[in-house]
Amino acid sequence: MKILIVEDEIDLLLALNNFLIKEGYLCELADTFRKAFNKISINEYDLILLDITLQDASGLELLPVIKKNNPKSGIIILSAKNSLDDKIAGLDGGADDYLTKPFQ
């Protein structure tokens, strides 16, 4: 399974990557909107872990790009934003689940 992790908190990005690699998954990393956009535009992923609060844009803006280029990809939003409106926006935008940070 090929996973793209989009997360601007480097410590969390690396922790997720290390955990998933140990579990046998192939991971690619993006710490900015631009890097994620470029990867999504040219690669296919089975799962995308998506932070919506990125430094250079909202991860929610990636949802239509993901749906266009990777329509079969599962999308799990990982976000510190936990309001109902944020969750609805993410799920209505095409995410399969919404997990709030911090998580264990």
N, C-alpha and C. Protein backbone atom coordinates (compact mmCIF):
# COMPACT_ATOMS: atom_id res chain seq x y z
N MET A 1 0.84 -1.17 0.00
CA MET A 1 0.00 0.00 0.00
C MET A 1 0.89 1.23 0.00
N LYS A 2 0.57 2.17 -0.88
CA LYS A 2 1.34 3.39 -1.01
C LYS A 2 0.56 4.54 -0.37
N ILE A 3 1.22 5.23 0.56
CA ILE A 3 0.58 6.28 1.35
C ILE A 3 1.33 7.60 1.17
N LEU A 4 0.58 8.67 0.97
CA LEU A 4 1.15 10.02 0.98
C LEU A 4 0.76 10.67 2.29
N ILE A 5 1.76 11.15 3.02
CA ILE A 5 1.53 11.86 4.27
C ILE A 5 1.79 13.34 4.01
N VAL A 6 0.75 14.15 4.19
CA VAL A 6 0.84 15.60 4.00
C VAL A 6 0.69 16.25 5.37
N GLU A 7 1.79 16.74 5.90
CA GLU A 7 1.82 17.26 7.27
C GLU A 7 2.95 18.26 7.39
N ASP A 8 2.67 19.47 7.89
CA ASP A 8 3.72 20.48 8.01
C ASP A 8 4.45 20.45 9.35
N GLU A 9 3.95 19.73 10.32
CA GLU A 9 4.67 19.54 11.58
C GLU A 9 5.68 18.40 11.36
N ILE A 10 6.94 18.75 11.21
CA ILE A 10 7.96 17.79 10.81
C ILE A 10 8.06 16.62 11.77
N ASP A 11 7.99 16.86 13.07
CA ASP A 11 8.08 15.76 14.04
C ASP A 11 6.96 14.75 13.84
N LEU A 12 5.75 15.24 13.64
CA LEU A 12 4.61 14.35 13.41
C LEU A 12 4.74 13.66 12.05
N LEU A 13 5.17 14.38 11.04
CA LEU A 13 5.38 13.81 9.71
C LEU A 13 6.34 12.62 9.78
N LEU A 14 7.45 12.81 10.46
CA LEU A 14 8.46 11.75 10.56
C LEU A 14 7.98 10.60 11.45
N ALA A 15 7.25 10.92 12.52
CA ALA A 15 6.72 9.86 13.40
C ALA A 15 5.72 8.99 12.64
N LEU A 16 4.81 9.61 11.91
CA LEU A 16 3.85 8.84 11.10
C LEU A 16 4.57 7.99 10.07
N ASN A 17 5.54 8.59 9.40
CA ASN A 17 6.31 7.88 8.39
C ASN A 17 7.02 6.66 9.00
N ASN A 18 7.72 6.87 10.10
CA ASN A 18 8.46 5.77 10.74
C ASN A 18 7.53 4.64 11.18
N PHE A 19 6.40 5.00 11.77
CA PHE A 19 5.44 3.99 12.21
C PHE A 19 4.92 3.19 11.02
N LEU A 20 4.51 3.89 9.99
CA LEU A 20 3.92 3.19 8.83
C LEU A 20 4.94 2.34 8.08
N ILE A 21 6.17 2.80 7.99
CA ILE A 21 7.23 2.00 7.35
C ILE A 21 7.46 0.71 8.14
N LYS A 22 7.50 0.82 9.47
CA LYS A 22 7.68 -0.37 10.30
C LYS A 22 6.54 -1.36 10.12
N GLU A 23 5.36 -0.86 9.76
CA GLU A 23 4.20 -1.72 9.53
C GLU A 23 4.18 -2.27 8.10
N GLY A 24 5.19 -1.89 7.30
CA GLY A 24 5.32 -2.44 5.96
C GLY A 24 4.73 -1.61 4.84
N TYR A 25 4.36 -0.36 5.11
CA TYR A 25 3.78 0.49 4.08
C TYR A 25 4.86 1.31 3.38
N LEU A 26 4.61 1.63 2.12
CA LEU A 26 5.46 2.50 1.34
C LEU A 26 4.92 3.92 1.48
N CYS A 27 5.75 4.84 1.95
CA CYS A 27 5.28 6.20 2.22
C CYS A 27 6.05 7.23 1.43
N GLU A 28 5.34 8.26 1.03
CA GLU A 28 5.95 9.47 0.48
C GLU A 28 5.50 10.61 1.37
N LEU A 29 6.33 11.65 1.44
CA LEU A 29 6.08 12.75 2.37
C LEU A 29 5.97 14.08 1.64
N ALA A 30 5.11 14.94 2.18
CA ALA A 30 5.01 16.31 1.69
C ALA A 30 4.72 17.20 2.89
N ASP A 31 5.54 18.23 3.07
CA ASP A 31 5.34 19.13 4.20
C ASP A 31 4.76 20.48 3.80
N THR A 32 4.43 20.64 2.52
CA THR A 32 3.79 21.87 2.03
C THR A 32 2.69 21.52 1.04
N PHE A 33 1.81 22.47 0.82
CA PHE A 33 0.75 22.31 -0.17
C PHE A 33 1.35 22.05 -1.54
N ARG A 34 2.34 22.85 -1.90
CA ARG A 34 2.95 22.75 -3.23
C ARG A 34 3.55 21.37 -3.48
N LYS A 35 4.29 20.85 -2.51
CA LYS A 35 4.88 19.52 -2.66
C LYS A 35 3.79 18.45 -2.79
N ALA A 36 2.76 18.57 -1.97
CA ALA A 36 1.65 17.61 -2.02
C ALA A 36 0.94 17.70 -3.37
N PHE A 37 0.67 18.90 -3.83
CA PHE A 37 0.01 19.09 -5.12
C PHE A 37 0.81 18.42 -6.24
N ASN A 38 2.11 18.65 -6.24
CA ASN A 38 2.96 18.06 -7.28
C ASN A 38 2.94 16.53 -7.23
N LYS A 39 3.02 15.96 -6.04
CA LYS A 39 3.01 14.50 -5.90
C LYS A 39 1.66 13.91 -6.32
N ILE A 40 0.58 14.55 -5.89
CA ILE A 40 -0.76 14.05 -6.22
C ILE A 40 -1.01 14.14 -7.72
N SER A 41 -0.43 15.15 -8.36
CA SER A 41 -0.65 15.35 -9.79
C SER A 41 0.01 14.28 -10.66
N ILE A 42 1.08 13.65 -10.15
CA ILE A 42 1.81 12.70 -11.00
C ILE A 42 1.85 11.27 -10.46
N ASN A 43 1.42 11.06 -9.22
CA ASN A 43 1.48 9.72 -8.62
C ASN A 43 0.10 9.26 -8.17
N GLU A 44 -0.04 7.95 -8.00
CA GLU A 44 -1.26 7.39 -7.44
C GLU A 44 -0.96 6.86 -6.04
N TYR A 45 -1.93 7.03 -5.15
CA TYR A 45 -1.78 6.60 -3.77
C TYR A 45 -3.02 5.81 -3.36
N ASP A 46 -2.79 4.83 -2.49
CA ASP A 46 -3.91 4.08 -1.93
C ASP A 46 -4.58 4.87 -0.81
N LEU A 47 -3.77 5.64 -0.08
CA LEU A 47 -4.26 6.42 1.05
C LEU A 47 -3.48 7.73 1.14
N ILE A 48 -4.20 8.79 1.48
CA ILE A 48 -3.57 10.08 1.71
C ILE A 48 -3.98 10.56 3.10
N LEU A 49 -2.97 10.79 3.95
CA LEU A 49 -3.18 11.39 5.27
C LEU A 49 -2.94 12.88 5.09
N LEU A 50 -3.96 13.67 5.30
CA LEU A 50 -3.94 15.08 4.90
C LEU A 50 -4.18 16.03 6.06
N ASP A 51 -3.19 16.84 6.36
CA ASP A 51 -3.36 17.94 7.32
C ASP A 51 -4.01 19.09 6.55
N ILE A 52 -4.97 19.77 7.15
CA ILE A 52 -5.60 20.87 6.42
C ILE A 52 -4.98 22.22 6.73
N THR A 53 -4.19 22.30 7.79
CA THR A 53 -3.55 23.56 8.13
C THR A 53 -2.08 23.51 7.71
N LEU A 54 -1.85 23.82 6.45
CA LEU A 54 -0.49 23.84 5.92
C LEU A 54 -0.01 25.28 5.86
N GLN A 55 1.29 25.48 5.82
CA GLN A 55 1.83 26.83 5.87
C GLN A 55 1.52 27.64 4.62
N ASP A 56 1.46 26.98 3.46
CA ASP A 56 1.31 27.73 2.22
C ASP A 56 -0.09 27.68 1.62
N ALA A 57 -1.01 26.93 2.19
CA ALA A 57 -2.41 26.88 1.74
C ALA A 57 -3.18 25.88 2.59
N SER A 58 -4.47 25.85 2.39
CA SER A 58 -5.30 24.90 3.12
C SER A 58 -5.28 23.54 2.43
N GLY A 59 -5.13 22.51 3.23
CA GLY A 59 -5.19 21.16 2.69
C GLY A 59 -6.54 20.85 2.07
N LEU A 60 -7.59 21.56 2.49
CA LEU A 60 -8.91 21.36 1.89
C LEU A 60 -8.89 21.66 0.39
N GLU A 61 -8.00 22.55 -0.03
CA GLU A 61 -7.88 22.88 -1.46
C GLU A 61 -7.30 21.72 -2.26
N LEU A 62 -6.69 20.76 -1.57
CA LEU A 62 -6.15 19.58 -2.26
C LEU A 62 -7.22 18.53 -2.55
N LEU A 63 -8.33 18.58 -1.83
CA LEU A 63 -9.34 17.54 -2.00
C LEU A 63 -9.83 17.40 -3.45
N PRO A 64 -10.15 18.49 -4.17
CA PRO A 64 -10.57 18.31 -5.56
C PRO A 64 -9.46 17.76 -6.46
N VAL A 65 -8.22 18.13 -6.15
CA VAL A 65 -7.08 17.62 -6.92
C VAL A 65 -6.94 16.12 -6.70
N ILE A 66 -7.09 15.71 -5.45
CA ILE A 66 -6.99 14.29 -5.12
C ILE A 66 -8.12 13.53 -5.83
N LYS A 67 -9.33 14.05 -5.75
CA LYS A 67 -10.47 13.37 -6.35
C LYS A 67 -10.32 13.27 -7.87
N LYS A 68 -9.70 14.27 -8.49
CA LYS A 68 -9.51 14.25 -9.94
C LYS A 68 -8.41 13.27 -10.35
N ASN A 69 -7.27 13.32 -9.66
CA ASN A 69 -6.10 12.54 -10.06
C ASN A 69 -5.98 11.19 -9.38
N ASN A 70 -6.58 11.03 -8.23
CA ASN A 70 -6.51 9.79 -7.46
C ASN A 70 -7.91 9.43 -6.95
N PRO A 71 -8.87 9.21 -7.83
CA PRO A 71 -10.26 9.04 -7.38
C PRO A 71 -10.48 7.83 -6.46
N LYS A 72 -9.60 6.86 -6.52
CA LYS A 72 -9.76 5.67 -5.69
C LYS A 72 -9.02 5.77 -4.36
N SER A 73 -8.27 6.85 -4.15
CA SER A 73 -7.50 7.02 -2.92
C SER A 73 -8.42 7.24 -1.73
N GLY A 74 -8.08 6.58 -0.62
CA GLY A 74 -8.73 6.91 0.64
C GLY A 74 -8.10 8.17 1.18
N ILE A 75 -8.90 8.99 1.84
CA ILE A 75 -8.38 10.26 2.38
C ILE A 75 -8.80 10.36 3.85
N ILE A 76 -7.80 10.50 4.71
CA ILE A 76 -8.06 10.74 6.12
C ILE A 76 -7.45 12.09 6.47
N ILE A 77 -8.29 13.00 6.93
CA ILE A 77 -7.81 14.32 7.35
C ILE A 77 -7.32 14.21 8.79
N LEU A 78 -6.12 14.75 9.02
CA LEU A 78 -5.54 14.85 10.36
C LEU A 78 -5.43 16.34 10.66
N SER A 79 -6.17 16.83 11.64
CA SER A 79 -6.18 18.26 11.86
C SER A 79 -6.38 18.62 13.32
N ALA A 80 -5.78 19.73 13.72
CA ALA A 80 -6.02 20.26 15.06
C ALA A 80 -7.35 21.00 15.11
N LYS A 81 -7.90 21.33 13.96
CA LYS A 81 -9.21 21.98 13.90
C LYS A 81 -10.28 20.94 14.18
N ASN A 82 -11.08 21.17 15.21
CA ASN A 82 -12.06 20.15 15.56
C ASN A 82 -13.48 20.68 15.62
N SER A 83 -13.74 21.81 14.97
CA SER A 83 -15.11 22.32 14.97
C SER A 83 -15.96 21.48 14.01
N LEU A 84 -17.23 21.48 14.24
CA LEU A 84 -18.15 20.73 13.39
C LEU A 84 -18.09 21.23 11.96
N ASP A 85 -17.98 22.55 11.77
CA ASP A 85 -17.90 23.11 10.42
C ASP A 85 -16.68 22.61 9.66
N ASP A 86 -15.52 22.52 10.34
CA ASP A 86 -14.31 22.01 9.70
C ASP A 86 -14.48 20.55 9.29
N LYS A 87 -15.08 19.77 10.18
CA LYS A 87 -15.29 18.35 9.88
C LYS A 87 -16.25 18.18 8.70
N ILE A 88 -17.31 18.94 8.69
CA ILE A 88 -18.28 18.87 7.59
C ILE A 88 -17.62 19.28 6.28
N ALA A 89 -16.83 20.34 6.30
CA ALA A 89 -16.14 20.80 5.09
C ALA A 89 -15.22 19.71 4.55
N GLY A 90 -14.48 19.06 5.43
CA GLY A 90 -13.56 18.01 5.00
C GLY A 90 -14.29 16.80 4.44
N LEU A 91 -15.32 16.37 5.12
CA LEU A 91 -16.06 15.19 4.67
C LEU A 91 -16.88 15.48 3.42
N ASP A 92 -17.48 16.66 3.36
CA ASP A 92 -18.21 17.05 2.14
C ASP A 92 -17.27 17.23 0.95
N GLY A 93 -16.03 17.59 1.24
CA GLY A 93 -15.04 17.77 0.18
C GLY A 93 -14.50 16.46 -0.38
N GLY A 94 -14.82 15.35 0.28
CA GLY A 94 -14.41 14.07 -0.26
C GLY A 94 -13.56 13.22 0.66
N ALA A 95 -13.24 13.71 1.86
CA ALA A 95 -12.46 12.89 2.79
C ALA A 95 -13.32 11.73 3.30
N ASP A 96 -12.67 10.63 3.60
CA ASP A 96 -13.35 9.45 4.11
C ASP A 96 -13.48 9.47 5.63
N ASP A 97 -12.57 10.19 6.29
CA ASP A 97 -12.63 10.30 7.74
C ASP A 97 -11.88 11.55 8.16
N TYR A 98 -12.10 11.96 9.40
CA TYR A 98 -11.52 13.18 9.94
C TYR A 98 -11.07 12.87 11.36
N LEU A 99 -9.78 12.93 11.59
CA LEU A 99 -9.21 12.61 12.90
C LEU A 99 -8.58 13.87 13.47
N THR A 100 -8.97 14.23 14.70
CA THR A 100 -8.41 15.46 15.28
C THR A 100 -7.13 15.14 16.07
N LYS A 101 -6.22 16.12 16.02
CA LYS A 101 -4.98 16.04 16.77
C LYS A 101 -5.20 16.70 18.12
N PRO A 102 -4.54 16.29 19.14
CA PRO A 102 -3.59 15.18 19.16
C PRO A 102 -4.33 13.83 19.19
N PHE A 103 -3.66 12.82 18.70
CA PHE A 103 -4.20 11.47 18.73
C PHE A 103 -3.09 10.52 19.16
N GLN A 104 -3.49 9.33 19.56
CA GLN A 104 -2.48 8.34 20.01
C GLN A 104 -2.58 7.11 19.14
